[in-house]
C-alpha atoms as a PDB file:
ATOM      1  CA  UNK A   1      69.988 126.645  66.626  1.00  0.00           C
ATOM      2  CA  UNK A   2      71.747 124.181  65.384  1.00  0.00           C
ATOM      3  CA  UNK A   3      75.643 123.095  66.128  1.00  0.00           C
ATOM      4  CA  UNK A   4      77.097 124.547  63.101  1.00  0.00           C
ATOM      5  CA  UNK A   5      75.461 128.003  63.516  1.00  0.00           C
ATOM      6  CA  UNK A   6      76.494 127.906  67.332  1.00  0.00           C
ATOM      7  CA  UNK A   7      79.921 127.261  66.594  1.00  0.00           C
ATOM      8  CA  UNK A   8      79.761 129.870  63.590  1.00  0.00           C
ATOM      9  CA  UNK A   9      78.815 132.657  66.048  1.00  0.00           C
ATOM     10  CA  UNK A  10      81.366 131.455  68.521  1.00  0.00           C
ATOM     11  CA  UNK A  11      84.003 132.072  66.333  1.00  0.00           C
ATOM     12  CA  UNK A  12      82.388 135.595  65.008  1.00  0.00           C
ATOM     13  CA  UNK A  13      82.370 136.382  68.775  1.00  0.00           C
ATOM     14  CA  UNK A  14      86.038 135.252  69.422  1.00  0.00           C
ATOM     15  CA  UNK A  15      87.090 137.640  66.139  1.00  0.00           C
ATOM     16  CA  UNK A  16      85.073 140.534  67.847  1.00  0.00           C
ATOM     17  CA  UNK A  17      86.434 140.099  71.213  1.00  0.00           C
ATOM     18  CA  UNK A  18      90.128 139.886  69.640  1.00  0.00           C
ATOM     19  CA  UNK A  19      89.764 143.062  67.530  1.00  0.00           C
ATOM     20  CA  UNK A  20      87.590 145.072  70.265  1.00  0.00           C
ATOM     21  CA  UNK A  21      90.718 147.288  71.120  1.00  0.00           C
ATOM     22  CA  UNK A  22      91.665 148.525  67.480  1.00  0.00           C
ATOM     23  CA  UNK A  23      90.942 152.290  66.942  1.00  0.00           C
ATOM     24  CA  UNK A  24      89.368 153.949  64.339  1.00  0.00           C
ATOM     25  CA  UNK A  25      87.666 150.951  62.980  1.00  0.00           C
ATOM     26  CA  UNK A  26      86.737 150.444  59.326  1.00  0.00           C
ATOM     27  CA  UNK A  27      83.187 151.621  58.333  1.00  0.00           C
ATOM     28  CA  UNK A  28      82.920 149.046  55.829  1.00  0.00           C
ATOM     29  CA  UNK A  29      84.068 146.651  58.502  1.00  0.00           C
ATOM     30  CA  UNK A  30      81.636 147.627  61.041  1.00  0.00           C
ATOM     31  CA  UNK A  31      78.721 147.461  58.397  1.00  0.00           C
ATOM     32  CA  UNK A  32      79.707 144.028  56.988  1.00  0.00           C
ATOM     33  CA  UNK A  33      79.846 142.454  60.810  1.00  0.00           C
ATOM     34  CA  UNK A  34      76.305 144.060  61.469  1.00  0.00           C
ATOM     35  CA  UNK A  35      74.944 142.718  58.455  1.00  0.00           C
ATOM     36  CA  UNK A  36      76.465 139.302  59.178  1.00  0.00           C
ATOM     37  CA  UNK A  37      75.243 139.245  62.800  1.00  0.00           C
ATOM     38  CA  UNK A  38      71.412 140.025  61.638  1.00  0.00           C
ATOM     39  CA  UNK A  39      71.582 137.331  58.963  1.00  0.00           C
ATOM     40  CA  UNK A  40      72.953 135.066  61.786  1.00  0.00           C
ATOM     41  CA  UNK A  41      69.999 136.033  64.013  1.00  0.00           C
ATOM     42  CA  UNK A  42      67.462 135.326  61.124  1.00  0.00           C
ATOM     43  CA  UNK A  43      66.087 131.856  62.035  1.00  0.00           C
ATOM     44  CA  UNK A  44      65.253 131.415  57.921  1.00  0.00           C
ATOM     45  CA  UNK A  45      68.874 132.010  56.904  1.00  0.00           C
ATOM     46  CA  UNK A  46      70.252 129.960  59.740  1.00  0.00           C
ATOM     47  CA  UNK A  47      68.304 126.897  58.646  1.00  0.00           C
ATOM     48  CA  UNK A  48      67.978 127.221  55.003  1.00  0.00           C
ATOM     49  CA  UNK A  49      71.464 128.515  53.958  1.00  0.00           C
ATOM     50  CA  UNK A  50      74.090 127.238  56.921  1.00  0.00           C
ATOM     51  CA  UNK A  51      77.062 126.681  54.111  1.00  0.00           C
ATOM     52  CA  UNK A  52      76.452 130.110  52.586  1.00  0.00           C
ATOM     53  CA  UNK A  53      76.365 131.791  56.236  1.00  0.00           C
ATOM     54  CA  UNK A  54      79.269 129.803  57.293  1.00  0.00           C
ATOM     55  CA  UNK A  55      81.056 131.294  54.031  1.00  0.00           C
ATOM     56  CA  UNK A  56      80.049 134.965  54.846  1.00  0.00           C
ATOM     57  CA  UNK A  57      81.562 134.552  58.416  1.00  0.00           C
ATOM     58  CA  UNK A  58      84.829 132.980  57.284  1.00  0.00           C
ATOM     59  CA  UNK A  59      85.350 136.144  55.097  1.00  0.00           C
ATOM     60  CA  UNK A  60      84.200 138.512  58.093  1.00  0.00           C
ATOM     61  CA  UNK A  61      87.209 136.704  59.891  1.00  0.00           C
ATOM     62  CA  UNK A  62      89.792 137.474  57.030  1.00  0.00           C
ATOM     63  CA  UNK A  63      88.751 141.206  56.986  1.00  0.00           C
ATOM     64  CA  UNK A  64      88.794 141.149  60.808  1.00  0.00           C
ATOM     65  CA  UNK A  65      92.175 139.585  60.673  1.00  0.00           C
ATOM     66  CA  UNK A  66      93.683 142.064  57.814  1.00  0.00           C
ATOM     67  CA  UNK A  67      92.462 144.831  60.172  1.00  0.00           C
ATOM     68  CA  UNK A  68      94.267 143.588  63.117  1.00  0.00           C
ATOM     69  CA  UNK A  69      97.130 143.191  61.249  1.00  0.00           C
ATOM     70  CA  UNK A  70      97.687 146.779  60.069  1.00  0.00           C
ATOM     71  CA  UNK A  71      96.074 146.190  56.769  1.00  0.00           C
ATOM     72  CA  UNK A  72      95.584 149.270  54.568  1.00  0.00           C
ATOM     73  CA  UNK A  73      92.008 150.673  54.870  1.00  0.00           C
ATOM     74  CA  UNK A  74      91.432 150.139  51.046  1.00  0.00           C
ATOM     75  CA  UNK A  75      92.290 146.299  51.522  1.00  0.00           C
ATOM     76  CA  UNK A  76      90.227 146.032  54.788  1.00  0.00           C
ATOM     77  CA  UNK A  77      87.415 147.790  52.829  1.00  0.00           C
ATOM     78  CA  UNK A  78      87.565 145.355  49.847  1.00  0.00           C
ATOM     79  CA  UNK A  79      87.718 142.349  52.164  1.00  0.00           C
ATOM     80  CA  UNK A  80      84.687 143.749  53.983  1.00  0.00           C
ATOM     81  CA  UNK A  81      82.652 144.357  50.728  1.00  0.00           C
ATOM     82  CA  UNK A  82      82.932 140.858  49.842  1.00  0.00           C
ATOM     83  CA  UNK A  83      81.470 139.847  53.356  1.00  0.00           C
ATOM     84  CA  UNK A  84      78.393 142.101  52.757  1.00  0.00           C
ATOM     85  CA  UNK A  85      78.126 140.337  49.414  1.00  0.00           C
ATOM     86  CA  UNK A  86      78.565 136.766  50.769  1.00  0.00           C
ATOM     87  CA  UNK A  87      76.101 137.685  53.558  1.00  0.00           C
ATOM     88  CA  UNK A  88      73.524 139.023  50.187  1.00  0.00           C
ATOM     89  CA  UNK A  89      74.004 135.439  48.956  1.00  0.00           C
ATOM     90  CA  UNK A  90      73.051 133.776  52.211  1.00  0.00           C
ATOM     91  CA  UNK A  91      70.037 135.758  52.578  1.00  0.00           C
ATOM     92  CA  UNK A  92      69.188 134.987  48.912  1.00  0.00           C
ATOM     93  CA  UNK A  93      69.972 131.808  49.000  1.00  0.00           C
ATOM     94  CA  UNK A  94      67.751 131.134  52.178  1.00  0.00           C
ATOM     95  CA  UNK A  95      64.811 133.316  50.518  1.00  0.00           C
ATOM     96  CA  UNK A  96      65.166 130.972  47.555  1.00  0.00           C
ATOM     97  CA  UNK A  97      65.090 127.711  49.331  1.00  0.00           C
ATOM     98  CA  UNK A  98      62.212 128.944  51.326  1.00  0.00           C
ATOM     99  CA  UNK A  99      60.716 129.951  48.182  1.00  0.00           C
ATOM    100  CA  UNK A 100      61.138 126.730  46.767  1.00  0.00           C
ATOM    101  CA  UNK A 101      59.849 124.813  49.762  1.00  0.00           C
ATOM    102  CA  UNK A 102      56.375 126.801  49.349  1.00  0.00           C
ATOM    103  CA  UNK A 103      56.492 126.091  45.651  1.00  0.00           C
ATOM    104  CA  UNK A 104      56.641 122.461  46.423  1.00  0.00           C
ATOM    105  CA  UNK A 105      53.811 122.378  48.723  1.00  0.00           C
ATOM    106  CA  UNK A 106      51.550 125.058  46.802  1.00  0.00           C
ATOM    107  CA  UNK A 107      52.548 124.980  43.063  1.00  0.00           C
ATOM    108  CA  UNK A 108      51.404 128.508  43.155  1.00  0.00           C
ATOM    109  CA  UNK A 109      52.256 130.509  39.866  1.00  0.00           C
ATOM    110  CA  UNK A 110      52.897 133.668  42.209  1.00  0.00           C
ATOM    111  CA  UNK A 111      55.383 131.558  44.332  1.00  0.00           C
ATOM    112  CA  UNK A 112      57.347 130.734  40.951  1.00  0.00           C
ATOM    113  CA  UNK A 113      57.797 134.224  40.212  1.00  0.00           C
ATOM    114  CA  UNK A 114      59.018 135.033  43.528  1.00  0.00           C
ATOM    115  CA  UNK A 115      61.549 132.252  43.190  1.00  0.00           C
ATOM    116  CA  UNK A 116      62.761 133.531  39.914  1.00  0.00           C
ATOM    117  CA  UNK A 117      63.206 136.893  41.373  1.00  0.00           C
ATOM    118  CA  UNK A 118      65.155 135.605  44.249  1.00  0.00           C
ATOM    119  CA  UNK A 119      67.229 133.483  41.874  1.00  0.00           C
ATOM    120  CA  UNK A 120      67.949 136.339  39.616  1.00  0.00           C
ATOM    121  CA  UNK A 121      69.214 138.510  42.385  1.00  0.00           C
ATOM    122  CA  UNK A 122      71.289 135.509  43.635  1.00  0.00           C
ATOM    123  CA  UNK A 123      72.827 135.320  40.189  1.00  0.00           C
ATOM    124  CA  UNK A 124      73.405 139.092  40.017  1.00  0.00           C
ATOM    125  CA  UNK A 125      75.286 138.930  43.537  1.00  0.00           C
ATOM    126  CA  UNK A 126      77.411 135.989  42.447  1.00  0.00           C
ATOM    127  CA  UNK A 127      78.284 138.054  39.368  1.00  0.00           C
ATOM    128  CA  UNK A 128      79.187 141.088  41.355  1.00  0.00           C
ATOM    129  CA  UNK A 129      81.410 138.695  43.626  1.00  0.00           C
ATOM    130  CA  UNK A 130      82.972 137.431  40.713  1.00  0.00           C
ATOM    131  CA  UNK A 131      83.875 140.698  39.056  1.00  0.00           C
ATOM    132  CA  UNK A 132      85.005 142.066  42.727  1.00  0.00           C
ATOM    133  CA  UNK A 133      87.536 139.074  42.811  1.00  0.00           C
ATOM    134  CA  UNK A 134      88.608 139.568  39.185  1.00  0.00           C
ATOM    135  CA  UNK A 135      89.363 143.386  40.114  1.00  0.00           C
ATOM    136  CA  UNK A 136      91.737 142.180  43.138  1.00  0.00           C
ATOM    137  CA  UNK A 137      93.493 139.758  41.211  1.00  0.00           C
ATOM    138  CA  UNK A 138      94.136 142.472  38.910  1.00  0.00           C
ATOM    139  CA  UNK A 139      95.582 144.655  41.408  1.00  0.00           C
ATOM    140  CA  UNK A 140      97.540 142.144  42.719  1.00  0.00           C
ATOM    141  CA  UNK A 141      98.960 141.633  39.293  1.00  0.00           C
ATOM    142  CA  UNK A 142      99.572 145.323  38.955  1.00  0.00           C
ATOM    143  CA  UNK A 143     101.381 145.150  42.365  1.00  0.00           C
ATOM    144  CA  UNK A 144     103.707 142.563  41.130  1.00  0.00           C
ATOM    145  CA  UNK A 145     104.571 144.227  38.098  1.00  0.00           C
ATOM    146  CA  UNK A 146     105.318 147.529  40.120  1.00  0.00           C
ATOM    147  CA  UNK A 147     107.274 145.760  42.290  1.00  0.00           C
ATOM    148  CA  UNK A 148     109.275 144.148  38.923  1.00  0.00           C
ATOM    149  CA  UNK A 149     109.952 147.610  37.716  1.00  0.00           C
ATOM    150  CA  UNK A 150     111.283 148.900  41.106  1.00  0.00           C
ATOM    151  CA  UNK A 151     113.792 146.184  41.028  1.00  0.00           C
ATOM    152  CA  UNK A 152     115.056 146.993  37.746  1.00  0.00           C
ATOM    153  CA  UNK A 153     115.235 150.664  38.637  1.00  0.00           C
ATOM    154  CA  UNK A 154     117.565 149.432  41.455  1.00  0.00           C
ATOM    155  CA  UNK A 155     119.571 147.381  39.225  1.00  0.00           C
ATOM    156  CA  UNK A 156     120.088 150.423  36.815  1.00  0.00           C
ATOM    157  CA  UNK A 157     120.955 152.792  39.715  1.00  0.00           C
ATOM    158  CA  UNK A 158     123.534 150.182  40.996  1.00  0.00           C
ATOM    159  CA  UNK A 159     124.967 150.023  37.162  1.00  0.00           C
ATOM    160  CA  UNK A 160     125.100 154.129  37.462  1.00  0.00           C
ATOM    161  CA  UNK A 161     127.298 154.193  40.571  1.00  0.00           C
ATOM    162  CA  UNK A 162     129.235 151.694  39.142  1.00  0.00           C
ATOM    163  CA  UNK A 163     130.222 153.329  35.896  1.00  0.00           C
ATOM    164  CA  UNK A 164     130.839 156.878  37.985  1.00  0.00           C
ATOM    165  CA  UNK A 165     133.230 155.083  40.574  1.00  0.00           C
ATOM    166  CA  UNK A 166     135.189 153.556  37.545  1.00  0.00           C
ATOM    167  CA  UNK A 167     135.152 157.082  36.034  1.00  0.00           C
ATOM    168  CA  UNK A 168     136.246 158.954  39.181  1.00  0.00           C
ATOM    169  CA  UNK A 169     138.829 156.394  39.871  1.00  0.00           C
ATOM    170  CA  UNK A 170     140.102 157.141  36.548  1.00  0.00           C
ATOM    171  CA  UNK A 171     140.023 160.813  36.291  1.00  0.00           C
ATOM    172  CA  UNK A 172     142.143 160.658  39.993  1.00  0.00           C
ATOM    173  CA  UNK A 173     144.658 158.735  38.315  1.00  0.00           C
ATOM    174  CA  UNK A 174     145.005 161.105  35.579  1.00  0.00           C
ATOM    175  CA  UNK A 175     145.149 164.209  37.545  1.00  0.00           C
ATOM    176  CA  UNK A 176     147.725 162.520  39.854  1.00  0.00           C
ATOM    177  CA  UNK A 177     149.736 161.562  36.579  1.00  0.00           C
ATOM    178  CA  UNK A 178     149.821 165.560  36.236  1.00  0.00           C
ATOM    179  CA  UNK A 179     151.031 165.899  39.441  1.00  0.00           C
ATOM    180  CA  UNK A 180     147.712 167.613  40.571  1.00  0.00           C
ATOM    181  CA  UNK A 181     147.282 168.104  44.441  1.00  0.00           C
ATOM    182  CA  UNK A 182     143.640 167.722  46.138  1.00  0.00           C
ATOM    183  CA  UNK A 183     143.281 170.938  48.619  1.00  0.00           C
ATOM    184  CA  UNK A 184     140.677 172.800  50.100  1.00  0.00           C
ATOM    185  CA  UNK A 185     139.699 174.536  46.717  1.00  0.00           C
ATOM    186  CA  UNK A 186     139.642 171.294  44.972  1.00  0.00           C
ATOM    187  CA  UNK A 187     142.359 169.856  42.675  1.00  0.00           C
ATOM    188  CA  UNK A 188     145.051 172.370  41.661  1.00  0.00           C
ATOM    189  CA  UNK A 189     147.870 171.492  39.435  1.00  0.00           C
ATOM    190  CA  UNK A 190     151.128 174.166  40.117  1.00  0.00           C
ATOM    191  CA  UNK A 191     153.035 175.318  37.148  1.00  0.00           C
ATOM    192  CA  UNK A 192     156.268 176.722  38.433  1.00  0.00           C
ATOM    193  CA  UNK A 193     158.078 179.973  36.624  1.00  0.00           C
ATOM    194  CA  UNK A 194     160.558 177.852  34.485  1.00  0.00           C
ATOM    195  CA  UNK A 195     157.505 177.949  32.029  1.00  0.00           C
ATOM    196  CA  UNK A 196     158.840 181.889  31.516  1.00  0.00           C
ATOM    197  CA  UNK A 197     161.720 184.157  31.268  1.00  0.00           C
ATOM    198  CA  UNK A 198     162.045 186.366  33.919  1.00  0.00           C
ATOM    199  CA  UNK A 199     159.246 189.339  33.962  1.00  0.00           C
ATOM    200  CA  UNK A 200     158.100 187.636  30.815  1.00  0.00           C
ATOM    201  CA  UNK A 201     154.655 186.252  30.047  1.00  0.00           C
ATOM    202  CA  UNK A 202     155.517 184.119  27.043  1.00  0.00           C
ATOM    203  CA  UNK A 203     155.966 180.586  27.544  1.00  0.00           C
ATOM    204  CA  UNK A 204     159.435 178.759  26.842  1.00  0.00           C
ATOM    205  CA  UNK A 205     159.505 175.905  24.444  1.00  0.00           C
ATOM    206  CA  UNK A 206     159.778 173.435  27.723  1.00  0.00           C
ATOM    207  CA  UNK A 207     156.630 175.078  28.980  1.00  0.00           C
ATOM    208  CA  UNK A 208     154.601 174.492  25.683  1.00  0.00           C
ATOM    209  CA  UNK A 209     155.402 171.013  25.742  1.00  0.00           C
ATOM    210  CA  UNK A 210     154.240 170.613  29.334  1.00  0.00           C
ATOM    211  CA  UNK A 211     151.006 172.323  28.101  1.00  0.00           C
ATOM    212  CA  UNK A 212     150.381 169.267  25.487  1.00  0.00           C
ATOM    213  CA  UNK A 213     149.921 166.826  28.744  1.00  0.00           C
ATOM    214  CA  UNK A 214     147.362 169.368  30.120  1.00  0.00           C
ATOM    215  CA  UNK A 215     145.324 169.781  27.254  1.00  0.00           C
ATOM    216  CA  UNK A 216     145.095 166.055  26.523  1.00  0.00           C
ATOM    217  CA  UNK A 217     143.624 165.805  30.098  1.00  0.00           C
ATOM    218  CA  UNK A 218     140.972 168.183  29.024  1.00  0.00           C
ATOM    219  CA  UNK A 219     140.092 167.185  25.806  1.00  0.00           C
ATOM    220  CA  UNK A 220     139.538 163.511  27.174  1.00  0.00           C
ATOM    221  CA  UNK A 221     137.327 164.840  29.792  1.00  0.00           C
ATOM    222  CA  UNK A 222     135.588 167.838  28.099  1.00  0.00           C
ATOM    223  CA  UNK A 223     133.092 168.428  30.637  1.00  0.00           C
ATOM    224  CA  UNK A 224     135.518 169.416  33.056  1.00  0.00           C
ATOM    225  CA  UNK A 225     136.407 173.382  33.475  1.00  0.00           C
ATOM    226  CA  UNK A 226     139.267 175.058  35.253  1.00  0.00           C
ATOM    227  CA  UNK A 227     140.450 178.580  36.376  1.00  0.00           C
ATOM    228  CA  UNK A 228     143.660 179.638  35.346  1.00  0.00           C
ATOM    229  CA  UNK A 229     145.456 181.837  37.984  1.00  0.00           C
ATOM    230  CA  UNK A 230     148.454 183.928  37.991  1.00  0.00           C
ATOM    231  CA  UNK A 231     150.935 184.484  40.800  1.00  0.00           C
ATOM    232  CA  UNK A 232     153.945 186.305  41.402  1.00  0.00           C
ATOM    233  CA  UNK A 233     156.685 187.251  43.956  1.00  0.00           C
ATOM    234  CA  UNK A 234     156.966 190.463  45.796  1.00  0.00           C
ATOM    235  CA  UNK A 235     159.602 191.889  43.529  1.00  0.00           C
ATOM    236  CA  UNK A 236     158.212 195.357  41.654  1.00  0.00           C
ATOM    237  CA  UNK A 237     155.169 197.390  42.229  1.00  0.00           C
ATOM    238  CA  UNK A 238     151.603 195.483  43.320  1.00  0.00           C
ATOM    239  CA  UNK A 239     150.124 196.721  39.953  1.00  0.00           C
ATOM    240  CA  UNK A 240     153.035 195.380  37.836  1.00  0.00           C
ATOM    241  CA  UNK A 241     152.993 192.187  39.679  1.00  0.00           C
ATOM    242  CA  UNK A 242     149.415 191.721  39.040  1.00  0.00           C
ATOM    243  CA  UNK A 243     149.550 192.887  35.190  1.00  0.00           C
ATOM    244  CA  UNK A 244     152.568 190.246  35.161  1.00  0.00           C
ATOM    245  CA  UNK A 245     150.455 187.377  36.389  1.00  0.00           C
ATOM    246  CA  UNK A 246     147.184 188.064  34.469  1.00  0.00           C
ATOM    247  CA  UNK A 247     149.643 187.841  31.112  1.00  0.00           C
ATOM    248  CA  UNK A 248     150.979 184.731  32.463  1.00  0.00           C
ATOM    249  CA  UNK A 249     147.632 183.200  32.812  1.00  0.00           C
ATOM    250  CA  UNK A 250     146.489 184.137  29.507  1.00  0.00           C
ATOM    251  CA  UNK A 251     149.414 182.934  27.722  1.00  0.00           C
ATOM    252  CA  UNK A 252     148.798 179.346  29.568  1.00  0.00           C
ATOM    253  CA  UNK A 253     145.074 179.536  28.348  1.00  0.00           C
ATOM    254  CA  UNK A 254     146.089 180.479  24.748  1.00  0.00           C
ATOM    255  CA  UNK A 255     148.199 177.610  24.604  1.00  0.00           C
ATOM    256  CA  UNK A 256     145.611 175.304  25.886  1.00  0.00           C
ATOM    257  CA  UNK A 257     143.106 176.780  23.642  1.00  0.00           C
ATOM    258  CA  UNK A 258     145.541 176.420  20.518  1.00  0.00           C
ATOM    259  CA  UNK A 259     145.835 172.811  21.505  1.00  0.00           C
ATOM    260  CA  UNK A 260     142.174 172.416  21.224  1.00  0.00           C
ATOM    261  CA  UNK A 261     140.931 173.015  24.602  1.00  0.00           C
ATOM    262  CA  UNK A 262     137.410 174.604  24.879  1.00  0.00           C
ATOM    263  CA  UNK A 263     137.999 177.951  25.758  1.00  0.00           C
ATOM    264  CA  UNK A 264     134.474 178.662  26.976  1.00  0.00           C
ATOM    265  CA  UNK A 265     135.736 175.877  29.812  1.00  0.00           C
ATOM    266  CA  UNK A 266     138.890 178.020  30.588  1.00  0.00           C
ATOM    267  CA  UNK A 267     138.777 181.183  32.746  1.00  0.00           C
ATOM    268  CA  UNK A 268     142.103 183.333  34.149  1.00  0.00           C
ATOM    269  CA  UNK A 269     142.362 185.361  37.173  1.00  0.00           C
ATOM    270  CA  UNK A 270     145.518 187.466  38.267  1.00  0.00           C
ATOM    271  CA  UNK A 271     146.630 187.481  42.209  1.00  0.00           C
ATOM    272  CA  UNK A 272     149.781 189.363  41.639  1.00  0.00           C
ATOM    273  CA  UNK A 273     152.188 189.054  44.604  1.00  0.00           C
ATOM    274  CA  UNK A 274     149.054 187.985  47.007  1.00  0.00           C
ATOM    275  CA  UNK A 275     148.793 184.341  48.325  1.00  0.00           C
ATOM    276  CA  UNK A 276     152.735 183.700  48.445  1.00  0.00           C
ATOM    277  CA  UNK A 277     153.180 179.703  49.018  1.00  0.00           C
ATOM    278  CA  UNK A 278     156.705 180.638  50.678  1.00  0.00           C
ATOM    279  CA  UNK A 279     158.555 183.423  51.521  1.00  0.00           C
ATOM    280  CA  UNK A 280     159.722 186.188  49.562  1.00  0.00           C
ATOM    281  CA  UNK A 281     163.129 186.894  51.532  1.00  0.00           C
ATOM    282  CA  UNK A 282     164.984 184.372  49.779  1.00  0.00           C
ATOM    283  CA  UNK A 283     165.496 183.491  46.035  1.00  0.00           C
ATOM    284  CA  UNK A 284     164.050 179.762  46.404  1.00  0.00           C
ATOM    285  CA  UNK A 285     161.075 181.206  48.015  1.00  0.00           C
ATOM    286  CA  UNK A 286     160.323 183.973  45.251  1.00  0.00           C
ATOM    287  CA  UNK A 287     160.875 181.186  42.765  1.00  0.00           C
ATOM    288  CA  UNK A 288     157.916 179.280  44.465  1.00  0.00           C
ATOM    289  CA  UNK A 289     155.988 182.316  44.548  1.00  0.00           C
ATOM    290  CA  UNK A 290     156.160 182.729  40.814  1.00  0.00           C
ATOM    291  CA  UNK A 291     153.511 180.293  39.687  1.00  0.00           C
ATOM    292  CA  UNK A 292     150.495 179.878  37.440  1.00  0.00           C
ATOM    293  CA  UNK A 293     148.086 177.423  39.057  1.00  0.00           C
ATOM    294  CA  UNK A 294     145.225 174.886  37.278  1.00  0.00           C
ATOM    295  CA  UNK A 295     142.316 175.298  39.768  1.00  0.00           C
ATOM    296  CA  UNK A 296     139.957 172.182  38.314  1.00  0.00           C
ATOM    297  CA  UNK A 297     136.169 173.181  39.261  1.00  0.00           C
ATOM    298  CA  UNK A 298     135.269 170.240  40.644  1.00  0.00           C
ATOM    299  CA  UNK A 299     137.269 167.605  42.570  1.00  0.00           C
ATOM    300  CA  UNK A 300     137.539 164.306  41.450  1.00  0.00           C
ATOM    301  CA  UNK A 301     134.815 162.654  43.460  1.00  0.00           C
ATOM    302  CA  UNK A 302     132.335 165.284  42.602  1.00  0.00           C
ATOM    303  CA  UNK A 303     132.387 164.632  38.654  1.00  0.00           C
ATOM    304  CA  UNK A 304     129.201 163.286  37.269  1.00  0.00           C
ATOM    305  CA  UNK A 305     129.019 160.349  35.004  1.00  0.00           C
ATOM    306  CA  UNK A 306     126.018 160.508  32.494  1.00  0.00           C
END
């Protein structure tokens, strides 16, 4: 056994020792190692194809290293396959050279045929190896393309978030300009009873002008929806107060629809004297309770951007 073969076997033994504790070994890797060990123990291969055997050993080392570093099973199996192919090349090269020696000594036609066969087998193995390496290069290129696409997706996502944040900030400014307040129920714009005469549901001229600003908001943000909810003080019967609050909510909706707001985006609700915001024992308190609230369906930070 020559020095190069001893060094090669020592390197393989070191790889096997370092990887001996790795659980659940790859079947393809085990097969490749066994084939390499068998070839290393073959005197003909060791003597006649030392370079090819060394290349196979290097390939086995890369496969063992990939397994030890936690590479995917498909990656390890691919490297193991390459090792097996290189072992085949080493065996075929040894057989071919042995046949060449026999042919040089004997010159028999039969030995020429065997040499041709072995050479053809080695060529086929080389072609298979080249095809496998080409496939591996294609897979690597595909992974690079997928990574580039992922980076583009991240950039587009960041741009969408930026546009959404800008839209949210603009919407909040619009609502604040209308004196809307953020509450547990969402953004609410409160319209006092100065919009109506006492006990009436027809908007006063000043109230109609105030509706123009609200209609402009809806028309500039057509995806928004809102509930128009009417309230009264406790003066009068419960049923009459609920009816009055409903008529006032309907009156506000009618004005907004007349100003171009989509009627399907507006709903009305009557609360009557329920849910007062102040006491009903004083004129000032009752005035605060007589109101119409515009409850926007979504808070500003929940409105999506298309």
